[in-house]
Protein backbone atom coordinates (compact mmCIF):
# COMPACT_ATOMS: atom_id res chain seq x y z
CA MET A 1 67.80 -12.65 15.54
CA PHE A 2 70.15 -10.55 13.43
CA GLU A 3 73.69 -9.89 14.58
CA LYS A 4 74.30 -6.82 12.43
CA VAL A 5 71.94 -4.43 10.61
CA LEU A 6 72.95 -1.87 7.99
CA ILE A 7 70.93 1.34 8.23
CA ALA A 8 70.39 2.69 4.71
CA ASN A 9 69.29 6.17 5.73
CA ARG A 10 70.33 9.32 7.56
CA GLY A 11 69.20 11.86 10.15
CA GLU A 12 66.79 11.26 12.98
CA ILE A 13 65.33 8.06 11.52
CA ALA A 14 68.78 6.47 11.20
CA LEU A 15 69.39 7.30 14.85
CA ARG A 16 65.95 5.93 15.77
CA ILE A 17 66.75 2.61 14.08
CA HIS A 18 70.18 2.48 15.71
CA ARG A 19 68.61 2.88 19.14
CA ALA A 20 66.14 0.04 18.55
CA CYS A 21 68.94 -2.23 17.34
CA ARG A 22 71.15 -1.36 20.31
CA GLU A 23 68.37 -2.23 22.76
CA MET A 24 67.99 -5.61 21.01
CA GLY A 25 71.71 -6.35 21.20
CA ILE A 26 72.17 -5.91 17.44
CA ARG A 27 75.26 -4.20 16.04
CA THR A 28 74.75 -1.44 13.47
CA VAL A 29 76.44 -0.24 10.31
CA ALA A 30 75.88 3.39 9.31
CA VAL A 31 76.28 4.39 5.68
CA HIS A 32 76.74 8.06 4.95
CA SER A 33 77.57 10.65 2.34
CA THR A 34 80.60 12.88 2.73
CA ALA A 35 78.23 15.61 3.94
CA ASP A 36 77.10 13.40 6.84
CA ALA A 37 80.51 12.28 8.10
CA ASP A 38 79.84 13.96 11.46
CA ALA A 39 76.20 12.87 11.79
CA MET A 40 75.09 11.51 15.15
CA HIS A 41 74.12 8.05 13.88
CA VAL A 42 77.52 7.75 12.20
CA ARG A 43 79.24 8.57 15.48
CA LEU A 44 77.19 6.06 17.46
CA ALA A 45 77.07 3.10 15.07
CA ASP A 46 79.46 0.19 15.53
CA GLU A 47 80.75 0.70 11.99
CA SER A 48 80.38 3.41 9.38
CA ILE A 49 81.01 3.38 5.64
CA CYS A 50 81.05 6.37 3.28
CA ILE A 51 79.01 5.59 0.18
CA GLY A 52 79.44 8.73 -1.90
CA PRO A 53 79.31 12.52 -2.27
CA PRO A 54 76.46 14.71 -0.92
CA PRO A 55 73.85 14.39 -3.72
CA SER A 56 71.33 11.68 -2.83
CA ARG A 57 71.58 10.05 -6.25
CA ASP A 58 75.29 9.43 -5.58
CA SER A 59 74.93 8.21 -2.00
CA TYR A 60 71.62 7.35 -0.31
CA LEU A 61 70.05 6.33 -3.63
CA ASN A 62 73.18 4.56 -4.84
CA ILE A 63 72.05 0.92 -4.69
CA PRO A 64 75.40 -0.69 -5.72
CA ALA A 65 77.26 1.34 -3.07
CA ILE A 66 74.79 0.40 -0.32
CA LEU A 67 74.80 -3.28 -1.23
CA SER A 68 78.60 -3.27 -1.36
CA ALA A 69 78.69 -1.72 2.11
CA ALA A 70 76.32 -4.39 3.40
CA MET A 71 78.42 -7.22 1.96
CA ILE A 72 81.76 -5.76 3.07
CA SER A 73 80.52 -5.15 6.63
CA GLY A 74 78.98 -8.60 6.95
CA ALA A 75 75.51 -7.28 7.75
CA ASP A 76 72.63 -9.76 8.02
CA ALA A 77 69.91 -7.29 7.14
CA VAL A 78 69.23 -3.82 5.75
CA HIS A 79 66.78 -1.35 7.25
CA PRO A 80 65.79 1.28 4.66
CA GLY A 81 64.25 3.76 7.10
CA ILE A 82 61.99 6.45 5.62
CA GLY A 83 62.23 8.00 2.16
CA PHE A 84 65.17 7.32 -0.17
CA LEU A 85 64.98 3.58 -1.05
CA SER A 86 62.41 2.55 1.57
CA GLU A 87 59.66 1.99 -1.04
CA ASN A 88 61.88 0.87 -3.90
CA ALA A 89 60.83 -2.65 -4.85
CA THR A 90 63.94 -3.15 -6.99
CA PHE A 91 66.20 -2.34 -4.04
CA ALA A 92 64.24 -4.66 -1.72
CA GLY A 93 64.53 -7.45 -4.26
CA MET A 94 68.26 -6.93 -4.74
CA VAL A 95 68.83 -7.00 -0.99
CA GLU A 96 67.16 -10.42 -0.86
CA GLU A 97 69.04 -11.61 -3.97
CA HIS A 98 72.29 -10.89 -2.13
CA GLY A 99 71.27 -13.20 0.71
CA LEU A 100 70.34 -10.38 3.08
CA VAL A 101 67.04 -9.61 4.80
CA PHE A 102 65.14 -6.48 3.83
CA ILE A 103 63.53 -5.09 6.98
CA GLY A 104 60.26 -4.14 5.37
CA PRO A 105 57.48 -5.57 3.19
CA SER A 106 58.00 -7.97 0.30
CA PRO A 107 59.08 -6.45 -3.03
CA GLU A 108 55.71 -7.54 -4.45
CA HIS A 109 53.74 -5.54 -1.89
CA ILE A 110 55.98 -2.50 -2.31
CA ARG A 111 55.49 -2.65 -6.07
CA LEU A 112 51.73 -3.14 -5.75
CA MET A 113 51.14 -0.23 -3.40
CA GLY A 114 53.66 2.02 -5.14
CA ASP A 115 51.49 2.10 -8.26
CA LYS A 116 48.50 4.21 -7.24
CA VAL A 117 46.23 2.74 -9.93
CA ARG A 118 47.06 -0.88 -9.04
CA ALA A 119 46.85 -0.02 -5.32
CA LYS A 120 43.32 1.30 -5.76
CA GLU A 121 42.32 -1.79 -7.72
CA ALA A 122 43.82 -3.99 -4.98
CA ALA A 123 42.04 -1.98 -2.29
CA ILE A 124 38.68 -2.60 -3.95
CA GLU A 125 39.49 -6.30 -4.28
CA ILE A 126 40.40 -6.75 -0.61
CA GLY A 127 37.46 -4.71 0.67
CA LEU A 128 38.73 -1.21 1.42
CA PRO A 129 36.41 1.75 0.71
CA VAL A 130 37.76 3.99 -2.05
CA VAL A 131 37.15 7.47 -3.42
CA PRO A 132 34.85 7.36 -6.48
CA GLY A 133 36.90 7.76 -9.64
CA SER A 134 38.24 6.18 -12.82
CA PRO A 135 38.46 2.38 -12.73
CA GLY A 136 42.10 2.59 -13.80
CA ALA A 137 44.51 4.73 -15.79
CA LEU A 138 42.91 7.34 -18.05
CA ARG A 139 43.30 6.77 -21.79
CA ASP A 140 42.45 10.29 -22.94
CA ALA A 141 40.54 13.50 -22.19
CA THR A 142 37.28 12.11 -23.55
CA GLU A 143 37.28 9.27 -21.03
CA ALA A 144 38.32 11.68 -18.26
CA VAL A 145 35.38 13.99 -18.97
CA ALA A 146 32.93 11.06 -19.07
CA VAL A 147 34.14 9.71 -15.71
CA ALA A 148 34.14 13.18 -14.14
CA ARG A 149 30.58 13.91 -15.25
CA ASP A 150 29.47 10.58 -13.82
CA ILE A 151 30.93 11.18 -10.34
CA GLY A 152 30.55 14.97 -10.36
CA PHE A 153 32.96 17.91 -10.32
CA PRO A 154 35.37 18.99 -8.91
CA VAL A 155 37.81 16.16 -9.60
CA LEU A 156 41.46 15.50 -8.82
CA LEU A 157 43.92 14.15 -11.38
CA LYS A 158 46.77 12.15 -9.84
CA ALA A 159 49.96 10.58 -11.17
CA ALA A 160 49.96 6.81 -10.65
CA ALA A 161 53.61 6.92 -9.60
CA GLY A 162 53.21 10.14 -7.61
CA GLY A 163 53.92 11.03 -4.04
CA GLY A 164 54.67 13.96 -1.76
CA GLY A 165 51.94 16.05 -3.33
CA ARG A 166 53.52 16.06 -6.80
CA GLY A 167 51.67 15.07 -9.96
CA MET A 168 48.25 16.36 -8.85
CA LYS A 169 45.87 18.76 -10.62
CA ILE A 170 42.32 19.94 -9.85
CA ALA A 171 39.66 20.41 -12.51
CA GLN A 172 36.51 22.30 -11.57
CA SER A 173 34.67 21.73 -14.85
CA ALA A 174 34.64 19.74 -18.09
CA GLU A 175 36.20 22.73 -19.84
CA GLU A 176 39.21 22.73 -17.50
CA LEU A 177 39.77 18.99 -17.57
CA PRO A 178 41.67 18.44 -20.88
CA GLN A 179 44.30 21.05 -20.02
CA ALA A 180 44.61 19.78 -16.45
CA LEU A 181 45.08 16.24 -17.75
CA SER A 182 47.76 17.34 -20.20
CA THR A 183 49.64 19.28 -17.52
CA CYS A 184 49.38 16.43 -15.02
CA ARG A 185 50.73 13.94 -17.57
CA ALA A 186 53.68 16.20 -18.39
CA GLU A 187 54.53 16.77 -14.72
CA ALA A 188 54.24 13.06 -13.94
CA LYS A 189 56.55 12.17 -16.84
CA ALA A 190 59.12 14.75 -15.75
CA ALA A 191 59.01 13.87 -12.05
CA PHE A 192 58.54 10.10 -12.12
CA GLY A 193 59.29 8.95 -15.66
CA ASP A 194 55.72 7.67 -15.94
CA ASP A 195 52.82 9.71 -17.35
CA THR A 196 50.07 7.35 -16.15
CA VAL A 197 47.26 9.41 -14.59
CA TYR A 198 43.99 8.52 -12.92
CA LEU A 199 41.06 10.57 -11.63
CA GLU A 200 39.19 10.81 -8.34
CA LYS A 201 36.30 12.79 -6.90
CA LEU A 202 37.69 15.79 -5.05
CA LEU A 203 36.43 15.86 -1.47
CA VAL A 204 35.89 19.43 -0.26
CA GLN A 205 36.98 19.48 3.40
CA PRO A 206 38.10 15.98 4.37
CA ARG A 207 40.34 14.89 7.23
CA HIS A 208 43.48 12.87 6.52
CA ILE A 209 43.21 9.75 8.68
CA GLU A 210 45.75 6.94 8.57
CA LEU A 211 45.99 3.54 10.25
CA GLN A 212 49.29 2.22 11.59
CA VAL A 213 49.56 -1.52 10.94
CA LEU A 214 52.01 -4.35 11.46
CA GLY A 215 51.80 -7.73 9.73
CA ASP A 216 53.74 -10.96 10.19
CA GLY A 217 53.60 -11.99 6.52
CA LYS A 218 51.58 -15.08 7.40
CA GLY A 219 48.10 -13.63 7.66
CA GLN A 220 48.10 -11.87 11.04
CA VAL A 221 47.81 -8.08 10.93
CA LEU A 222 47.48 -5.72 13.90
CA HIS A 223 46.61 -2.04 14.02
CA PHE A 224 47.73 0.58 16.52
CA GLY A 225 44.92 3.05 16.12
CA GLU A 226 44.58 5.97 13.77
CA ARG A 227 46.54 9.17 13.32
CA ASP A 228 45.06 12.45 12.17
CA CYS A 229 47.46 14.15 9.74
CA SER A 230 45.12 16.83 8.42
CA LEU A 231 47.34 19.85 9.18
CA GLN A 232 49.27 20.00 5.90
CA ARG A 233 51.07 22.51 3.74
CA ARG A 234 51.46 21.67 0.05
CA HIS A 235 50.39 18.10 0.82
CA GLN A 236 53.21 17.77 3.36
CA LYS A 237 52.25 16.94 6.94
CA VAL A 238 53.10 19.53 9.57
CA LEU A 239 51.49 18.12 12.73
CA GLU A 240 50.01 14.72 13.53
CA GLU A 241 47.95 13.49 16.46
CA ALA A 242 46.53 10.26 17.77
CA PRO A 243 43.77 9.46 18.24
CA SER A 244 41.87 11.70 15.83
CA PRO A 245 39.52 14.21 17.49
CA ALA A 246 37.13 13.60 14.57
CA LEU A 247 36.45 9.89 15.19
CA ASN A 248 34.25 8.19 17.73
CA GLU A 249 34.88 4.71 19.06
CA GLU A 250 32.51 3.05 16.60
CA ALA A 251 34.26 4.58 13.57
CA ARG A 252 37.67 3.76 15.05
CA GLU A 253 36.85 0.09 15.56
CA ARG A 254 35.15 -0.15 12.18
CA ILE A 255 38.09 1.14 10.14
CA GLY A 256 40.66 -0.72 12.24
CA GLY A 257 38.93 -4.04 11.70
CA THR A 258 38.38 -3.36 8.00
CA VAL A 259 42.06 -2.58 7.40
CA CYS A 260 43.37 -5.59 9.33
CA ARG A 261 41.05 -8.01 7.53
CA ALA A 262 41.99 -6.53 4.17
CA LEU A 263 45.76 -6.71 4.69
CA ALA A 264 45.51 -10.19 6.17
CA LYS A 265 44.26 -11.31 2.74
CA LEU A 266 47.49 -9.99 1.24
CA LYS A 267 49.59 -11.62 3.98
CA TYR A 268 51.24 -8.24 4.45
CA ARG A 269 54.58 -8.21 6.27
CA SER A 270 56.20 -5.47 8.36
CA ALA A 271 55.03 -1.99 9.33
CA GLY A 272 52.81 0.00 7.02
CA THR A 273 50.30 2.82 6.95
CA VAL A 274 46.95 2.80 5.19
CA GLU A 275 45.81 6.34 4.43
CA PHE A 276 42.24 7.57 4.05
CA LEU A 277 40.33 10.74 3.47
CA PHE A 278 37.44 11.02 5.95
CA GLU A 279 34.38 13.18 5.32
CA ASN A 280 30.79 13.03 6.57
CA GLY A 281 31.40 9.78 8.44
CA HIS A 282 32.87 7.94 5.43
CA PHE A 283 36.41 6.66 4.86
CA TYR A 284 38.00 6.68 1.40
CA PHE A 285 41.26 4.84 0.74
CA ILE A 286 43.89 6.98 -0.98
CA GLU A 287 47.15 5.05 -0.66
CA MET A 288 49.29 2.74 1.43
CA ASN A 289 52.83 3.53 2.50
CA THR A 290 54.79 0.29 2.72
CA ARG A 291 57.29 1.53 5.25
CA LEU A 292 57.74 3.23 8.58
CA GLN A 293 56.23 6.72 8.71
CA VAL A 294 57.77 9.94 10.01
CA GLU A 295 54.85 10.18 12.44
CA HIS A 296 55.08 6.64 13.84
CA PRO A 297 56.08 7.95 17.32
CA VAL A 298 52.57 9.20 18.09
CA SER A 299 51.28 5.64 17.66
CA GLU A 300 54.09 4.37 19.86
CA MET A 301 53.22 6.89 22.57
CA ILE A 302 49.56 5.88 22.83
CA SER A 303 50.19 2.13 22.44
CA GLY A 304 53.45 1.70 24.35
CA VAL A 305 54.79 -0.47 21.51
CA ASP A 306 58.21 0.04 19.91
CA LEU A 307 57.23 -0.29 16.24
CA VAL A 308 60.81 -0.38 14.95
CA ARG A 309 61.66 -3.20 17.34
CA GLU A 310 58.59 -5.16 16.19
CA GLN A 311 59.48 -4.45 12.57
CA ILE A 312 62.91 -6.00 13.14
CA ARG A 313 61.42 -9.00 14.99
CA VAL A 314 59.05 -9.75 12.12
CA ALA A 315 61.84 -9.42 9.55
CA ALA A 316 63.84 -11.99 11.53
CA ASP A 317 60.87 -14.34 11.03
CA GLY A 318 59.75 -13.95 14.58
CA PRO A 319 56.08 -13.99 15.57
CA LEU A 320 54.20 -10.84 16.45
CA GLY A 321 54.79 -10.31 20.13
CA MET A 322 51.13 -9.50 20.83
CA THR A 323 47.54 -9.87 19.74
CA GLN A 324 45.06 -7.10 18.94
CA ALA A 325 43.58 -7.51 22.42
CA ASP A 326 46.99 -6.75 23.93
CA ILE A 327 47.15 -3.35 22.24
CA VAL A 328 45.53 -0.91 24.65
CA LEU A 329 45.54 2.67 23.40
CA SER A 330 45.93 5.20 26.20
CA GLY A 331 45.82 8.98 26.28
CA HIS A 332 46.63 11.40 23.49
CA ALA A 333 49.81 12.19 21.55
CA ILE A 334 50.78 15.01 19.19
CA GLU A 335 53.87 15.32 17.01
CA CYS A 336 55.24 18.60 15.66
CA ARG A 337 57.59 18.34 12.70
CA ILE A 338 60.42 20.83 13.23
CA ASN A 339 61.97 21.82 9.91
CA ALA A 340 65.05 23.90 9.14
CA GLU A 341 62.93 26.53 7.43
CA HIS A 342 61.86 30.11 8.02
CA PRO A 343 58.57 29.87 9.96
CA GLU A 344 56.77 32.33 7.65
CA THR A 345 58.41 32.12 4.21
CA PHE A 346 59.43 28.44 4.56
CA ALA A 347 62.75 29.22 2.89
CA PRO A 348 65.30 26.46 3.66
CA SER A 349 67.73 27.31 6.46
CA PRO A 350 70.72 24.97 6.54
CA GLY A 351 73.69 25.92 8.68
CA ARG A 352 75.61 25.38 11.88
CA ILE A 353 73.75 24.69 15.13
CA THR A 354 75.05 27.13 17.72
CA ASP A 355 72.74 26.10 20.56
CA PHE A 356 70.60 23.04 21.13
CA HIS A 357 68.40 22.32 24.12
CA ALA A 358 65.67 19.69 23.90
CA PRO A 359 62.62 19.99 26.16
CA GLY A 360 62.04 17.26 28.72
CA GLY A 361 59.73 16.14 31.46
CA LEU A 362 56.98 13.56 31.74
CA GLY A 363 55.45 12.60 28.41
CA VAL A 364 57.91 14.57 26.26
CA ARG A 365 59.99 12.91 23.55
CA VAL A 366 62.34 14.49 20.99
CA ASP A 367 63.54 12.48 17.99
CA SER A 368 66.44 14.43 16.50
CA ALA A 369 70.00 13.91 15.34
CA LEU A 370 70.98 17.53 16.05
CA TYR A 371 73.68 18.57 18.49
CA SER A 372 75.46 21.85 19.22
CA GLY A 373 78.15 22.39 16.60
CA TYR A 374 76.51 20.16 13.98
CA THR A 375 76.01 21.64 10.52
CA VAL A 376 72.67 20.96 8.85
CA PRO A 377 73.56 20.21 5.21
CA PRO A 378 71.60 21.84 2.35
CA TYR A 379 71.23 18.65 0.31
CA TYR A 380 68.42 16.77 2.04
CA ASP A 381 64.93 17.03 3.53
CA SER A 382 64.55 19.95 5.93
CA LEU A 383 63.15 17.88 8.84
CA VAL A 384 65.60 18.22 11.74
CA ALA A 385 63.54 17.21 14.78
CA LYS A 386 60.24 15.76 15.89
CA LEU A 387 58.68 16.88 19.16
CA ILE A 388 56.23 14.27 20.42
CA VAL A 389 54.16 14.87 23.54
CA HIS A 390 51.79 12.52 25.36
CA GLY A 391 49.09 13.30 27.90
CA LYS A 392 46.22 11.53 29.61
CA SER A 393 43.79 13.69 27.65
CA ARG A 394 43.98 15.87 24.54
CA ASN A 395 43.80 19.01 26.66
CA GLU A 396 46.67 17.85 28.88
CA CYS A 397 48.63 16.99 25.75
CA LEU A 398 48.09 20.47 24.28
CA MET A 399 49.16 22.19 27.51
CA ARG A 400 52.28 20.04 27.72
CA LEU A 401 53.07 20.71 24.07
CA ARG A 402 52.88 24.47 24.58
CA ARG A 403 55.32 24.20 27.47
CA ALA A 404 57.69 21.93 25.52
CA LEU A 405 57.74 24.28 22.53
CA GLU A 406 58.71 27.15 24.86
CA GLU A 407 61.67 25.10 26.12
CA PHE A 408 62.90 23.94 22.72
CA VAL A 409 66.03 25.83 21.63
CA ILE A 410 67.66 25.39 18.22
CA GLY A 411 70.10 28.23 17.60
CA GLY A 412 71.99 29.22 14.46
CA ILE A 413 69.28 28.39 11.93
CA ASP A 414 65.64 29.26 11.35
CA THR A 415 63.13 26.58 12.34
CA THR A 416 59.36 26.14 12.30
CA ILE A 417 59.10 26.11 16.10
CA PRO A 418 57.43 29.60 16.07
CA LEU A 419 54.85 28.31 13.57
CA HIS A 420 53.86 25.50 15.93
CA GLN A 421 53.65 27.95 18.83
CA LYS A 422 51.18 30.06 16.87
CA LEU A 423 49.14 27.01 15.91
CA MET A 424 48.82 26.07 19.58
CA SER A 425 46.89 29.31 20.21
CA GLU A 426 44.43 28.88 17.34
CA GLY A 427 40.89 27.98 18.40
CA ASP A 428 40.29 25.51 15.57
CA VAL A 429 43.47 23.60 16.44
CA ILE A 430 42.66 23.65 20.14
CA ASN A 431 39.18 22.29 19.37
CA GLY A 432 40.44 19.77 16.80
CA ASP A 433 38.20 21.37 14.20
CA TYR A 434 40.34 21.38 11.06
CA HIS A 435 40.70 19.64 7.67
CA ILE A 436 43.39 19.13 5.04
CA HIS A 437 42.98 22.62 3.57
CA TRP A 438 42.77 24.47 6.90
CA LEU A 439 46.48 25.22 7.34
CA GLU A 440 47.00 26.66 3.87
CA HIS A 441 43.93 28.87 4.28
CA TRP A 442 45.25 30.02 7.67
CA LEU A 443 48.72 30.73 6.29
CA SER A 444 47.21 32.67 3.39
CA GLU A 445 45.22 34.86 5.78
CA LYS A 446 48.27 35.41 8.02
CA SER A 447 50.33 36.56 5.02
CA LYS A 448 47.80 39.36 4.45
CA ASP A 449 48.15 40.72 7.99
């Protein structure tokens, strides 16, 4: 097992990784920007090293600075967390070249799944169901129109190197397609430095269903059930729950087995998430995230498995500590992402925390690095807390979540807690009857009131 792990991230996920390491008897090294000198994970880690000024490009994306910190501190391994360099194959490779262990998938798998065109080709090869679309990157508008007419409009143009909802355009007809393709290419080039674009059939009201997996790199892959992440705004998840209210046991077992068999062929290592659109009883692969997910706690709550701990065990070349039969999913869990944003305009709201009180009680978990007196910096993602609630049933979970949201106090800044409180009184949410466009339609209607 490792003696010392460098955590190449910040915020609640850095604290989450620190806690897992501490419980395993592993010392931690926190790297931080000057803006995060007073962050909770920096205070709690065994060592801390400043790696640059506030901008991410000069600190949390500064590969030479992070590697230097790892070597100077004598770390055995690097955990990339979520975002930043967590899906950067070059970084993963450089960590290994420096004689350290990258706590995540192999650089080859990160590179494969990071290219959306290659990932789709790989998915077909290993037996995952995919959305009908172009067989690869589009050469020109003529090819795009031909493919779109074959599968039927509307269609969705997507940047091969895209993510986070960027580099995506909808075309409703052949007349709209050339302009949409041109715009998508330009946006992809500007955002990702790569104008490769592909095309898929646009599903009208699908659910966003994802499978949490863990592989040992030797051919054994386990899944921890599905998560429903359909409540989204601008392609960003707002609330996640497990299991999905849209799936029955047959569909759940079918997709779980399909994903595990497929990734076993790749000899996938570490934690990962395979994401699907689900409509009319059919699953369609859209992408794989080769890292830990923000919403991993809901899978932990229903499975009782510490996914970060298992991720570290696998990276240390340890065997998976369980079989699929050992994973018994129990009850229901929901996670609310609490952002430092105005709950109606979604304007960012950095600033000093004047009051902080986390809800508690049976089945309530808060993952946050906030504390009273801490200043939320304006330079990074607005996520400041995750409220995760577990209950024996979905109804019990919803009732407990309403109570926990009432108790949650974050003073000094605007947060999206009021948004989640409103969602908890909506009939469609209560009944689990929603899709990936539901939230934006709801928000649009609310703005008219």
